[in-house]
Amino acid sequence: MAQRFRSSLRLGLGDEIAMGPGKAQLLELIRDTGSIASAGRRMRMSYKRAWSLVVTMNRCFREPLVAVSRGGADGGGASLTDLGVRILADYQRLAALVEASPELARLRGAAADDTAG
């Protein structure tokens, strides 16, 4: 059985990964759940790890991608900022373009499969 040649788009800023597939998934889940903790749990990661990824993303862009409100009587929450919504959509479109590109198809065609040893 041949292994599938995978692609993974990661965008860096200095030594940090500003956006990648895991961060995009985290943004999607924050958007859907309204919570960093819930998004992290769905990804099977600790709140500390999810928070760290949000901090990195917010630091890598001129404006935050995620807005956070502190807990209290009504509870806290998180949501994507307007920029966060745009960055997530742009990243998803760019990743889809890479996935559908003829260059990636050629790379896949040239990849060894798992029976090649």
PDB file of N, CA and C in Angstrom:
ATOM      1  N   MET A   1       0.843  -1.181   0.000  1.00  0.00           N
ATOM      2  CA  MET A   1       0.000   0.000   0.000  1.00  0.00           C
ATOM      3  C   MET A   1       0.891   1.248   0.000  1.00  0.00           C
ATOM      4  N   ALA A   2       0.644   2.155  -0.907  1.00  0.00           N
ATOM      5  CA  ALA A   2       1.461   3.360  -1.021  1.00  0.00           C
ATOM      6  C   ALA A   2       1.057   4.373   0.043  1.00  0.00           C
ATOM      7  N   GLN A   3       2.049   5.075   0.568  1.00  0.00           N
ATOM      8  CA  GLN A   3       1.777   6.148   1.516  1.00  0.00           C
ATOM      9  C   GLN A   3       1.400   7.396   0.739  1.00  0.00           C
ATOM     10  N   ARG A   4       0.540   8.178   1.300  1.00  0.00           N
ATOM     11  CA  ARG A   4       0.130   9.422   0.664  1.00  0.00           C
ATOM     12  C   ARG A   4       1.167  10.496   0.969  1.00  0.00           C
ATOM     13  N   PHE A   5       1.616  11.182  -0.057  1.00  0.00           N
ATOM     14  CA  PHE A   5       2.550  12.301   0.082  1.00  0.00           C
ATOM     15  C   PHE A   5       1.752  13.473   0.634  1.00  0.00           C
ATOM     16  N   ARG A   6       2.091  13.942   1.819  1.00  0.00           N
ATOM     17  CA  ARG A   6       1.331  14.988   2.500  1.00  0.00           C
ATOM     18  C   ARG A   6       1.989  16.354   2.322  1.00  0.00           C
ATOM     19  N   SER A   7       1.156  17.358   2.326  1.00  0.00           N
ATOM     20  CA  SER A   7       1.669  18.720   2.349  1.00  0.00           C
ATOM     21  C   SER A   7       1.164  19.387   3.623  1.00  0.00           C
ATOM     22  N   SER A   8       1.925  20.350   4.091  1.00  0.00           N
ATOM     23  CA  SER A   8       1.550  21.066   5.298  1.00  0.00           C
ATOM     24  C   SER A   8       2.092  22.482   5.178  1.00  0.00           C
ATOM     25  N   LEU A   9       1.203  23.437   5.083  1.00  0.00           N
ATOM     26  CA  LEU A   9       1.600  24.832   4.911  1.00  0.00           C
ATOM     27  C   LEU A   9       1.830  25.470   6.271  1.00  0.00           C
ATOM     28  N   ARG A  10       3.031  25.955   6.478  1.00  0.00           N
ATOM     29  CA  ARG A  10       3.379  26.676   7.701  1.00  0.00           C
ATOM     30  C   ARG A  10       3.969  28.019   7.311  1.00  0.00           C
ATOM     31  N   LEU A  11       3.508  29.054   7.986  1.00  0.00           N
ATOM     32  CA  LEU A  11       3.979  30.408   7.716  1.00  0.00           C
ATOM     33  C   LEU A  11       4.747  30.892   8.928  1.00  0.00           C
ATOM     34  N   GLY A  12       5.995  31.271   8.720  1.00  0.00           N
ATOM     35  CA  GLY A  12       6.847  31.669   9.833  1.00  0.00           C
ATOM     36  C   GLY A  12       7.096  33.154   9.880  1.00  0.00           C
ATOM     37  N   LEU A  13       7.357  33.614  11.081  1.00  0.00           N
ATOM     38  CA  LEU A  13       7.786  34.984  11.313  1.00  0.00           C
ATOM     39  C   LEU A  13       8.965  34.880  12.258  1.00  0.00           C
ATOM     40  N   GLY A  14      10.159  35.143  11.756  1.00  0.00           N
ATOM     41  CA  GLY A  14      11.358  34.917  12.558  1.00  0.00           C
ATOM     42  C   GLY A  14      11.465  33.431  12.883  1.00  0.00           C
ATOM     43  N   ASP A  15      11.653  33.127  14.143  1.00  0.00           N
ATOM     44  CA  ASP A  15      11.779  31.738  14.580  1.00  0.00           C
ATOM     45  C   ASP A  15      10.439  31.112  14.954  1.00  0.00           C
ATOM     46  N   GLU A  16       9.362  31.871  14.835  1.00  0.00           N
ATOM     47  CA  GLU A  16       8.051  31.362  15.260  1.00  0.00           C
ATOM     48  C   GLU A  16       7.202  30.942  14.068  1.00  0.00           C
ATOM     49  N   ILE A  17       6.341  29.978  14.302  1.00  0.00           N
ATOM     50  CA  ILE A  17       5.346  29.605  13.296  1.00  0.00           C
ATOM     51  C   ILE A  17       4.117  30.453  13.569  1.00  0.00           C
ATOM     52  N   ALA A  18       3.856  31.399  12.673  1.00  0.00           N
ATOM     53  CA  ALA A  18       2.736  32.320  12.843  1.00  0.00           C
ATOM     54  C   ALA A  18       1.413  31.625  12.554  1.00  0.00           C
ATOM     55  N   MET A  19       1.414  30.727  11.567  1.00  0.00           N
ATOM     56  CA  MET A  19       0.186  30.026  11.200  1.00  0.00           C
ATOM     57  C   MET A  19       0.563  28.706  10.554  1.00  0.00           C
ATOM     58  N   GLY A  20      -0.167  27.691  10.906  1.00  0.00           N
ATOM     59  CA  GLY A  20       0.012  26.362  10.340  1.00  0.00           C
ATOM     60  C   GLY A  20      -1.288  25.599  10.512  1.00  0.00           C
ATOM     61  N   PRO A  21      -1.309  24.344  10.118  1.00  0.00           N
ATOM     62  CA  PRO A  21      -2.567  23.595  10.176  1.00  0.00           C
ATOM     63  C   PRO A  21      -3.132  23.452  11.583  1.00  0.00           C
ATOM     64  N   GLY A  22      -2.293  23.257  12.579  1.00  0.00           N
ATOM     65  CA  GLY A  22      -2.788  23.122  13.947  1.00  0.00           C
ATOM     66  C   GLY A  22      -3.357  24.427  14.479  1.00  0.00           C
ATOM     67  N   LYS A  23      -2.688  25.525  14.187  1.00  0.00           N
ATOM     68  CA  LYS A  23      -3.177  26.830  14.637  1.00  0.00           C
ATOM     69  C   LYS A  23      -4.465  27.199  13.911  1.00  0.00           C
ATOM     70  N   ALA A  24      -4.554  26.846  12.630  1.00  0.00           N
ATOM     71  CA  ALA A  24      -5.796  27.094  11.892  1.00  0.00           C
ATOM     72  C   ALA A  24      -6.947  26.291  12.499  1.00  0.00           C
ATOM     73  N   GLN A  25      -6.683  25.045  12.836  1.00  0.00           N
ATOM     74  CA  GLN A  25      -7.722  24.220  13.460  1.00  0.00           C
ATOM     75  C   GLN A  25      -8.129  24.812  14.813  1.00  0.00           C
ATOM     76  N   LEU A  26      -7.156  25.282  15.587  1.00  0.00           N
ATOM     77  CA  LEU A  26      -7.464  25.901  16.866  1.00  0.00           C
ATOM     78  C   LEU A  26      -8.341  27.137  16.665  1.00  0.00           C
ATOM     79  N   LEU A  27      -8.022  27.972  15.685  1.00  0.00           N
ATOM     80  CA  LEU A  27      -8.853  29.143  15.400  1.00  0.00           C
ATOM     81  C   LEU A  27     -10.274  28.731  15.028  1.00  0.00           C
ATOM     82  N   GLU A  28     -10.403  27.712  14.186  1.00  0.00           N
ATOM     83  CA  GLU A  28     -11.740  27.224  13.809  1.00  0.00           C
ATOM     84  C   GLU A  28     -12.543  26.816  15.040  1.00  0.00           C
ATOM     85  N   LEU A  29     -11.884  26.087  15.934  1.00  0.00           N
ATOM     86  CA  LEU A  29     -12.579  25.592  17.118  1.00  0.00           C
ATOM     87  C   LEU A  29     -12.881  26.709  18.111  1.00  0.00           C
ATOM     88  N   ILE A  30     -12.016  27.695  18.220  1.00  0.00           N
ATOM     89  CA  ILE A  30     -12.323  28.864  19.059  1.00  0.00           C
ATOM     90  C   ILE A  30     -13.540  29.571  18.482  1.00  0.00           C
ATOM     91  N   ARG A  31     -13.555  29.735  17.175  1.00  0.00           N
ATOM     92  CA  ARG A  31     -14.705  30.366  16.511  1.00  0.00           C
ATOM     93  C   ARG A  31     -15.988  29.584  16.809  1.00  0.00           C
ATOM     94  N   ASP A  32     -15.900  28.258  16.731  1.00  0.00           N
ATOM     95  CA  ASP A  32     -17.091  27.415  16.884  1.00  0.00           C
ATOM     96  C   ASP A  32     -17.543  27.248  18.329  1.00  0.00           C
ATOM     97  N   THR A  33     -16.596  27.253  19.284  1.00  0.00           N
ATOM     98  CA  THR A  33     -16.944  26.990  20.678  1.00  0.00           C
ATOM     99  C   THR A  33     -16.993  28.240  21.544  1.00  0.00           C
ATOM    100  N   GLY A  34     -16.306  29.307  21.120  1.00  0.00           N
ATOM    101  CA  GLY A  34     -16.237  30.506  21.940  1.00  0.00           C
ATOM    102  C   GLY A  34     -15.322  30.359  23.140  1.00  0.00           C
ATOM    103  N   SER A  35     -14.428  29.358  23.091  1.00  0.00           N
ATOM    104  CA  SER A  35     -13.596  29.067  24.246  1.00  0.00           C
ATOM    105  C   SER A  35     -12.255  28.478  23.835  1.00  0.00           C
ATOM    106  N   ILE A  36     -11.178  29.008  24.404  1.00  0.00           N
ATOM    107  CA  ILE A  36      -9.858  28.434  24.163  1.00  0.00           C
ATOM    108  C   ILE A  36      -9.770  27.064  24.825  1.00  0.00           C
ATOM    109  N   ALA A  37     -10.299  26.951  26.034  1.00  0.00           N
ATOM    110  CA  ALA A  37     -10.246  25.674  26.761  1.00  0.00           C
ATOM    111  C   ALA A  37     -11.007  24.586  26.004  1.00  0.00           C
ATOM    112  N   SER A  38     -12.200  24.889  25.535  1.00  0.00           N
ATOM    113  CA  SER A  38     -12.989  23.896  24.792  1.00  0.00           C
ATOM    114  C   SER A  38     -12.311  23.520  23.482  1.00  0.00           C
ATOM    115  N   ALA A  39     -11.767  24.511  22.801  1.00  0.00           N
ATOM    116  CA  ALA A  39     -11.059  24.244  21.547  1.00  0.00           C
ATOM    117  C   ALA A  39      -9.872  23.334  21.804  1.00  0.00           C
ATOM    118  N   GLY A  40      -9.105  23.631  22.843  1.00  0.00           N
ATOM    119  CA  GLY A  40      -7.960  22.796  23.199  1.00  0.00           C
ATOM    120  C   GLY A  40      -8.371  21.372  23.532  1.00  0.00           C
ATOM    121  N   ARG A  41      -9.425  21.218  24.322  1.00  0.00           N
ATOM    122  CA  ARG A  41      -9.898  19.869  24.669  1.00  0.00           C
ATOM    123  C   ARG A  41     -10.275  19.079  23.420  1.00  0.00           C
ATOM    124  N   ARG A  42     -10.939  19.729  22.484  1.00  0.00           N
ATOM    125  CA  ARG A  42     -11.317  19.030  21.243  1.00  0.00           C
ATOM    126  C   ARG A  42     -10.104  18.596  20.443  1.00  0.00           C
ATOM    127  N   MET A  43      -8.995  19.307  20.626  1.00  0.00           N
ATOM    128  CA  MET A  43      -7.757  18.945  19.930  1.00  0.00           C
ATOM    129  C   MET A  43      -6.871  18.053  20.796  1.00  0.00           C
ATOM    130  N   ARG A  44      -7.362  17.691  21.967  1.00  0.00           N
ATOM    131  CA  ARG A  44      -6.623  16.847  22.916  1.00  0.00           C
ATOM    132  C   ARG A  44      -5.316  17.500  23.361  1.00  0.00           C
ATOM    133  N   MET A  45      -5.420  18.796  23.646  1.00  0.00           N
ATOM    134  CA  MET A  45      -4.248  19.505  24.168  1.00  0.00           C
ATOM    135  C   MET A  45      -4.661  20.235  25.437  1.00  0.00           C
ATOM    136  N   SER A  46      -3.689  20.535  26.248  1.00  0.00           N
ATOM    137  CA  SER A  46      -3.958  21.240  27.495  1.00  0.00           C
ATOM    138  C   SER A  46      -4.346  22.688  27.206  1.00  0.00           C
ATOM    139  N   TYR A  47      -5.017  23.291  28.180  1.00  0.00           N
ATOM    140  CA  TYR A  47      -5.347  24.701  28.069  1.00  0.00           C
ATOM    141  C   TYR A  47      -4.067  25.521  27.935  1.00  0.00           C
ATOM    142  N   LYS A  48      -3.043  25.150  28.692  1.00  0.00           N
ATOM    143  CA  LYS A  48      -1.765  25.874  28.652  1.00  0.00           C
ATOM    144  C   LYS A  48      -1.184  25.872  27.240  1.00  0.00           C
ATOM    145  N   ARG A  49      -1.234  24.725  26.568  1.00  0.00           N
ATOM    146  CA  ARG A  49      -0.710  24.626  25.198  1.00  0.00           C
ATOM    147  C   ARG A  49      -1.565  25.463  24.241  1.00  0.00           C
ATOM    148  N   ALA A  50      -2.882  25.352  24.351  1.00  0.00           N
ATOM    149  CA  ALA A  50      -3.775  26.124  23.474  1.00  0.00           C
ATOM    150  C   ALA A  50      -3.548  27.623  23.690  1.00  0.00           C
ATOM    151  N   TRP A  51      -3.439  28.035  24.960  1.00  0.00           N
ATOM    152  CA  TRP A  51      -3.200  29.443  25.269  1.00  0.00           C
ATOM    153  C   TRP A  51      -1.873  29.905  24.674  1.00  0.00           C
ATOM    154  N   SER A  52      -0.850  29.063  24.770  1.00  0.00           N
ATOM    155  CA  SER A  52       0.459  29.394  24.223  1.00  0.00           C
ATOM    156  C   SER A  52       0.385  29.611  22.710  1.00  0.00           C
ATOM    157  N   LEU A  53      -0.360  28.780  22.015  1.00  0.00           N
ATOM    158  CA  LEU A  53      -0.517  28.946  20.566  1.00  0.00           C
ATOM    159  C   LEU A  53      -1.243  30.243  20.237  1.00  0.00           C
ATOM    160  N   VAL A  54      -2.257  30.589  21.021  1.00  0.00           N
ATOM    161  CA  VAL A  54      -2.985  31.849  20.810  1.00  0.00           C
ATOM    162  C   VAL A  54      -2.050  33.031  21.044  1.00  0.00           C
ATOM    163  N   VAL A  55      -1.257  32.983  22.097  1.00  0.00           N
ATOM    164  CA  VAL A  55      -0.314  34.065  22.388  1.00  0.00           C
ATOM    165  C   VAL A  55       0.666  34.242  21.225  1.00  0.00           C
ATOM    166  N   THR A  56       1.171  33.127  20.698  1.00  0.00           N
ATOM    167  CA  THR A  56       2.103  33.198  19.572  1.00  0.00           C
ATOM    168  C   THR A  56       1.435  33.822  18.357  1.00  0.00           C
ATOM    169  N   MET A  57       0.225  33.358  18.018  1.00  0.00           N
ATOM    170  CA  MET A  57      -0.470  33.931  16.862  1.00  0.00           C
ATOM    171  C   MET A  57      -0.714  35.419  17.063  1.00  0.00           C
ATOM    172  N   ASN A  58      -1.184  35.801  18.243  1.00  0.00           N
ATOM    173  CA  ASN A  58      -1.467  37.214  18.494  1.00  0.00           C
ATOM    174  C   ASN A  58      -0.203  38.067  18.409  1.00  0.00           C
ATOM    175  N   ARG A  59       0.920  37.512  18.801  1.00  0.00           N
ATOM    176  CA  ARG A  59       2.193  38.244  18.757  1.00  0.00           C
ATOM    177  C   ARG A  59       2.710  38.376  17.318  1.00  0.00           C
ATOM    178  N   CYS A  60       2.400  37.412  16.471  1.00  0.00           N
ATOM    179  CA  CYS A  60       2.955  37.386  15.110  1.00  0.00           C
ATOM    180  C   CYS A  60       2.218  38.296  14.129  1.00  0.00           C
ATOM    181  N   PHE A  61       1.077  38.812  14.514  1.00  0.00           N
ATOM    182  CA  PHE A  61       0.320  39.690  13.622  1.00  0.00           C
ATOM    183  C   PHE A  61       0.198  41.068  14.256  1.00  0.00           C
ATOM    184  N   ARG A  62      -0.043  42.072  13.434  1.00  0.00           N
ATOM    185  CA  ARG A  62      -0.086  43.456  13.911  1.00  0.00           C
ATOM    186  C   ARG A  62      -1.210  43.690  14.908  1.00  0.00           C
ATOM    187  N   GLU A  63      -2.265  42.902  14.775  1.00  0.00           N
ATOM    188  CA  GLU A  63      -3.400  42.967  15.699  1.00  0.00           C
ATOM    189  C   GLU A  63      -3.699  41.544  16.142  1.00  0.00           C
ATOM    190  N   PRO A  64      -4.314  41.381  17.311  1.00  0.00           N
ATOM    191  CA  PRO A  64      -4.641  40.033  17.780  1.00  0.00           C
ATOM    192  C   PRO A  64      -5.616  39.316  16.838  1.00  0.00           C
ATOM    193  N   LEU A  65      -5.459  37.999  16.752  1.00  0.00           N
ATOM    194  CA  LEU A  65      -6.397  37.171  15.996  1.00  0.00           C
ATOM    195  C   LEU A  65      -7.520  36.671  16.898  1.00  0.00           C
ATOM    196  N   VAL A  66      -7.214  36.572  18.190  1.00  0.00           N
ATOM    197  CA  VAL A  66      -8.184  36.073  19.172  1.00  0.00           C
ATOM    198  C   VAL A  66      -8.357  37.117  20.260  1.00  0.00           C
ATOM    199  N   ALA A  67      -9.621  37.444  20.558  1.00  0.00           N
ATOM    200  CA  ALA A  67      -9.959  38.339  21.663  1.00  0.00           C
ATOM    201  C   ALA A  67     -10.453  37.476  22.815  1.00  0.00           C
ATOM    202  N   VAL A  68     -10.001  37.808  24.020  1.00  0.00           N
ATOM    203  CA  VAL A  68     -10.333  37.014  25.201  1.00  0.00           C
ATOM    204  C   VAL A  68     -11.037  37.897  26.213  1.00  0.00           C
ATOM    205  N   SER A  69     -12.104  37.346  26.817  1.00  0.00           N
ATOM    206  CA  SER A  69     -12.738  38.042  27.938  1.00  0.00           C
ATOM    207  C   SER A  69     -12.577  37.175  29.169  1.00  0.00           C
ATOM    208  N   ARG A  70     -12.218  37.791  30.256  1.00  0.00           N
ATOM    209  CA  ARG A  70     -11.960  37.087  31.509  1.00  0.00           C
ATOM    210  C   ARG A  70     -13.247  36.488  32.067  1.00  0.00           C
ATOM    211  N   GLY A  71     -13.068  35.433  32.850  1.00  0.00           N
ATOM    212  CA  GLY A  71     -14.202  34.778  33.506  1.00  0.00           C
ATOM    213  C   GLY A  71     -14.817  35.680  34.558  1.00  0.00           C
ATOM    214  N   GLY A  72     -15.879  35.229  35.101  1.00  0.00           N
ATOM    215  CA  GLY A  72     -16.600  35.988  36.111  1.00  0.00           C
ATOM    216  C   GLY A  72     -17.951  35.342  36.282  1.00  0.00           C
ATOM    217  N   ALA A  73     -18.911  36.101  36.739  1.00  0.00           N
ATOM    218  CA  ALA A  73     -20.256  35.566  36.958  1.00  0.00           C
ATOM    219  C   ALA A  73     -20.849  35.009  35.665  1.00  0.00           C
ATOM    220  N   ASP A  74     -20.576  35.682  34.567  1.00  0.00           N
ATOM    221  CA  ASP A  74     -21.101  35.223  33.275  1.00  0.00           C
ATOM    222  C   ASP A  74     -20.122  34.319  32.536  1.00  0.00           C
ATOM    223  N   GLY A  75     -18.979  34.042  33.130  1.00  0.00           N
ATOM    224  CA  GLY A  75     -17.972  33.218  32.468  1.00  0.00           C
ATOM    225  C   GLY A  75     -17.168  34.024  31.480  1.00  0.00           C
ATOM    226  N   GLY A  76     -16.040  33.489  31.094  1.00  0.00           N
ATOM    227  CA  GLY A  76     -15.188  34.154  30.121  1.00  0.00           C
ATOM    228  C   GLY A  76     -15.482  33.617  28.742  1.00  0.00           C
ATOM    229  N   GLY A  77     -14.624  33.915  27.836  1.00  0.00           N
ATOM    230  CA  GLY A  77     -14.804  33.417  26.486  1.00  0.00           C
ATOM    231  C   GLY A  77     -13.722  33.939  25.573  1.00  0.00           C
ATOM    232  N   ALA A  78     -13.771  33.467  24.364  1.00  0.00           N
ATOM    233  CA  ALA A  78     -12.814  33.900  23.347  1.00  0.00           C
ATOM    234  C   ALA A  78     -13.531  33.927  22.011  1.00  0.00           C
ATOM    235  N   SER A  79     -13.100  34.813  21.168  1.00  0.00           N
ATOM    236  CA  SER A  79     -13.663  34.902  19.823  1.00  0.00           C
ATOM    237  C   SER A  79     -12.583  35.385  18.871  1.00  0.00           C
ATOM    238  N   LEU A  80     -12.801  35.123  17.594  1.00  0.00           N
ATOM    239  CA  LEU A  80     -11.870  35.629  16.589  1.00  0.00           C
ATOM    240  C   LEU A  80     -12.171  37.096  16.338  1.00  0.00           C
ATOM    241  N   THR A  81     -11.127  37.869  16.211  1.00  0.00           N
ATOM    242  CA  THR A  81     -11.284  39.263  15.818  1.00  0.00           C
ATOM    243  C   THR A  81     -11.583  39.287  14.313  1.00  0.00           C
ATOM    244  N   ASP A  82     -11.906  40.450  13.796  1.00  0.00           N
ATOM    245  CA  ASP A  82     -12.112  40.567  12.349  1.00  0.00           C
ATOM    246  C   ASP A  82     -10.864  40.114  11.601  1.00  0.00           C
ATOM    247  N   LEU A  83      -9.694  40.516  12.110  1.00  0.00           N
ATOM    248  CA  LEU A  83      -8.451  40.090  11.474  1.00  0.00           C
ATOM    249  C   LEU A  83      -8.291  38.577  11.581  1.00  0.00           C
ATOM    250  N   GLY A  84      -8.636  37.999  12.717  1.00  0.00           N
ATOM    251  CA  GLY A  84      -8.554  36.555  12.888  1.00  0.00           C
ATOM    252  C   GLY A  84      -9.414  35.807  11.876  1.00  0.00           C
ATOM    253  N   VAL A  85     -10.608  36.304  11.633  1.00  0.00           N
ATOM    254  CA  VAL A  85     -11.500  35.690  10.636  1.00  0.00           C
ATOM    255  C   VAL A  85     -10.857  35.762   9.254  1.00  0.00           C
ATOM    256  N   ARG A  86     -10.295  36.924   8.920  1.00  0.00           N
ATOM    257  CA  ARG A  86      -9.668  37.093   7.599  1.00  0.00           C
ATOM    258  C   ARG A  86      -8.416  36.237   7.457  1.00  0.00           C
ATOM    259  N   ILE A  87      -7.574  36.199   8.484  1.00  0.00           N
ATOM    260  CA  ILE A  87      -6.339  35.409   8.416  1.00  0.00           C
ATOM    261  C   ILE A  87      -6.677  33.931   8.268  1.00  0.00           C
ATOM    262  N   LEU A  88      -7.651  33.443   9.031  1.00  0.00           N
ATOM    263  CA  LEU A  88      -8.049  32.033   8.928  1.00  0.00           C
ATOM    264  C   LEU A  88      -8.547  31.724   7.523  1.00  0.00           C
ATOM    265  N   ALA A  89      -9.406  32.566   6.975  1.00  0.00           N
ATOM    266  CA  ALA A  89      -9.933  32.335   5.622  1.00  0.00           C
ATOM    267  C   ALA A  89      -8.813  32.385   4.581  1.00  0.00           C
ATOM    268  N   ASP A  90      -7.918  33.358   4.695  1.00  0.00           N
ATOM    269  CA  ASP A  90      -6.807  33.462   3.741  1.00  0.00           C
ATOM    270  C   ASP A  90      -5.890  32.238   3.835  1.00  0.00           C
ATOM    271  N   TYR A  91      -5.593  31.814   5.056  1.00  0.00           N
ATOM    272  CA  TYR A  91      -4.742  30.636   5.237  1.00  0.00           C
ATOM    273  C   TYR A  91      -5.405  29.407   4.622  1.00  0.00           C
ATOM    274  N   GLN A  92      -6.694  29.231   4.861  1.00  0.00           N
ATOM    275  CA  GLN A  92      -7.395  28.059   4.317  1.00  0.00           C
ATOM    276  C   GLN A  92      -7.408  28.078   2.787  1.00  0.00           C
ATOM    277  N   ARG A  93      -7.618  29.251   2.196  1.00  0.00           N
ATOM    278  CA  ARG A  93      -7.583  29.354   0.727  1.00  0.00           C
ATOM    279  C   ARG A  93      -6.186  29.059   0.193  1.00  0.00           C
ATOM    280  N   LEU A  94      -5.164  29.591   0.845  1.00  0.00           N
ATOM    281  CA  LEU A  94      -3.786  29.363   0.415  1.00  0.00           C
ATOM    282  C   LEU A  94      -3.422  27.883   0.539  1.00  0.00           C
ATOM    283  N   ALA A  95      -3.802  27.244   1.629  1.00  0.00           N
ATOM    284  CA  ALA A  95      -3.531  25.816   1.804  1.00  0.00           C
ATOM    285  C   ALA A  95      -4.243  24.994   0.729  1.00  0.00           C
ATOM    286  N   ALA A  96      -5.465  25.380   0.374  1.00  0.00           N
ATOM    287  CA  ALA A  96      -6.206  24.670  -0.678  1.00  0.00           C
ATOM    288  C   ALA A  96      -5.526  24.858  -2.037  1.00  0.00           C
ATOM    289  N   LEU A  97      -5.001  26.056  -2.297  1.00  0.00           N
ATOM    290  CA  LEU A  97      -4.278  26.297  -3.547  1.00  0.00           C
ATOM    291  C   LEU A  97      -3.029  25.428  -3.636  1.00  0.00           C
ATOM    292  N   VAL A  98      -2.288  25.341  -2.537  1.00  0.00           N
ATOM    293  CA  VAL A  98      -1.097  24.490  -2.513  1.00  0.00           C
ATOM    294  C   VAL A  98      -1.493  23.046  -2.767  1.00  0.00           C
ATOM    295  N   GLU A  99      -2.533  22.581  -2.085  1.00  0.00           N
ATOM    296  CA  GLU A  99      -2.989  21.188  -2.203  1.00  0.00           C
ATOM    297  C   GLU A  99      -3.397  20.855  -3.640  1.00  0.00           C
ATOM    298  N   ALA A 100      -3.985  21.826  -4.335  1.00  0.00           N
ATOM    299  CA  ALA A 100      -4.469  21.594  -5.693  1.00  0.00           C
ATOM    300  C   ALA A 100      -3.445  21.946  -6.771  1.00  0.00           C
ATOM    301  N   SER A 101      -2.265  22.385  -6.376  1.00  0.00           N
ATOM    302  CA  SER A 101      -1.286  22.879  -7.351  1.00  0.00           C
ATOM    303  C   SER A 101      -0.682  21.751  -8.183  1.00  0.00           C
ATOM    304  N   PRO A 102      -0.374  22.050  -9.447  1.00  0.00           N
ATOM    305  CA  PRO A 102       0.292  21.050 -10.291  1.00  0.00           C
ATOM    306  C   PRO A 102       1.692  20.718  -9.767  1.00  0.00           C
ATOM    307  N   GLU A 103       2.323  21.677  -9.115  1.00  0.00           N
ATOM    308  CA  GLU A 103       3.656  21.414  -8.562  1.00  0.00           C
ATOM    309  C   GLU A 103       3.585  20.326  -7.485  1.00  0.00           C
ATOM    310  N   LEU A 104       2.590  20.401  -6.619  1.00  0.00           N
ATOM    311  CA  LEU A 104       2.447  19.380  -5.581  1.00  0.00           C
ATOM    312  C   LEU A 104       2.078  18.035  -6.212  1.00  0.00           C
ATOM    313  N   ALA A 105       1.261  18.064  -7.252  1.00  0.00           N
ATOM    314  CA  ALA A 105       0.926  16.819  -7.950  1.00  0.00           C
ATOM    315  C   ALA A 105       2.186  16.171  -8.530  1.00  0.00           C
ATOM    316  N   ARG A 106       3.087  16.990  -9.095  1.00  0.00           N
ATOM    317  CA  ARG A 106       4.334  16.445  -9.627  1.00  0.00           C
ATOM    318  C   ARG A 106       5.213  15.874  -8.512  1.00  0.00           C
ATOM    319  N   LEU A 107       5.292  16.585  -7.401  1.00  0.00           N
ATOM    320  CA  LEU A 107       6.056  16.075  -6.265  1.00  0.00           C
ATOM    321  C   LEU A 107       5.471  14.745  -5.778  1.00  0.00           C
ATOM    322  N   ARG A 108       4.161  14.673  -5.697  1.00  0.00           N
ATOM    323  CA  ARG A 108       3.520  13.432  -5.289  1.00  0.00           C
ATOM    324  C   ARG A 108       3.838  12.308  -6.266  1.00  0.00           C
ATOM    325  N   GLY A 109       3.830  12.639  -7.556  1.00  0.00           N
ATOM    326  CA  GLY A 109       4.115  11.640  -8.577  1.00  0.00           C
ATOM    327  C   GLY A 109       5.551  11.112  -8.498  1.00  0.00           C
ATOM    328  N   ALA A 110       6.442  11.940  -8.008  1.00  0.00           N
ATOM    329  CA  ALA A 110       7.849  11.549  -7.918  1.00  0.00           C
ATOM    330  C   ALA A 110       8.192  10.903  -6.581  1.00  0.00           C
ATOM    331  N   ALA A 111       7.246  10.910  -5.651  1.00  0.00           N
ATOM    332  CA  ALA A 111       7.512  10.377  -4.296  1.00  0.00           C
ATOM    333  C   ALA A 111       7.598   8.850  -4.326  1.00  0.00           C
ATOM    334  N   ALA A 112       8.503   8.344  -3.526  1.00  0.00           N
ATOM    335  CA  ALA A 112       8.623   6.891  -3.353  1.00  0.00           C
ATOM    336  C   ALA A 112       7.443   6.402  -2.540  1.00  0.00           C
ATOM    337  N   ASP A 113       7.043   5.157  -2.753  1.00  0.00           N
ATOM    338  CA  ASP A 113       5.975   4.628  -1.904  1.00  0.00           C
ATOM    339  C   ASP A 113       6.604   3.723  -0.841  1.00  0.00           C
ATOM    340  N   ASP A 114       5.780   3.233   0.058  1.00  0.00           N
ATOM    341  CA  ASP A 114       6.311   2.496   1.192  1.00  0.00           C
ATOM    342  C   ASP A 114       6.829   1.111   0.832  1.00  0.00           C
ATOM    343  N   THR A 115       6.622   0.660  -0.404  1.00  0.00           N
ATOM    344  CA  THR A 115       7.135  -0.649  -0.815  1.00  0.00           C
ATOM    345  C   THR A 115       8.530  -0.549  -1.434  1.00  0.00           C
ATOM    346  N   ALA A 116       9.006   0.698  -1.593  1.00  0.00           N
ATOM    347  CA  ALA A 116      10.305   0.898  -2.250  1.00  0.00           C
ATOM    348  C   ALA A 116      11.459   0.527  -1.327  1.00  0.00           C
ATOM    349  N   GLY A 117      11.201   0.436  -0.036  1.00  0.00           N
ATOM    350  CA  GLY A 117      12.247   0.032   0.911  1.00  0.00           C
ATOM    351  C   GLY A 117      13.075   1.157   1.277  1.00  0.00           C
TER     352      GLY A 117
END
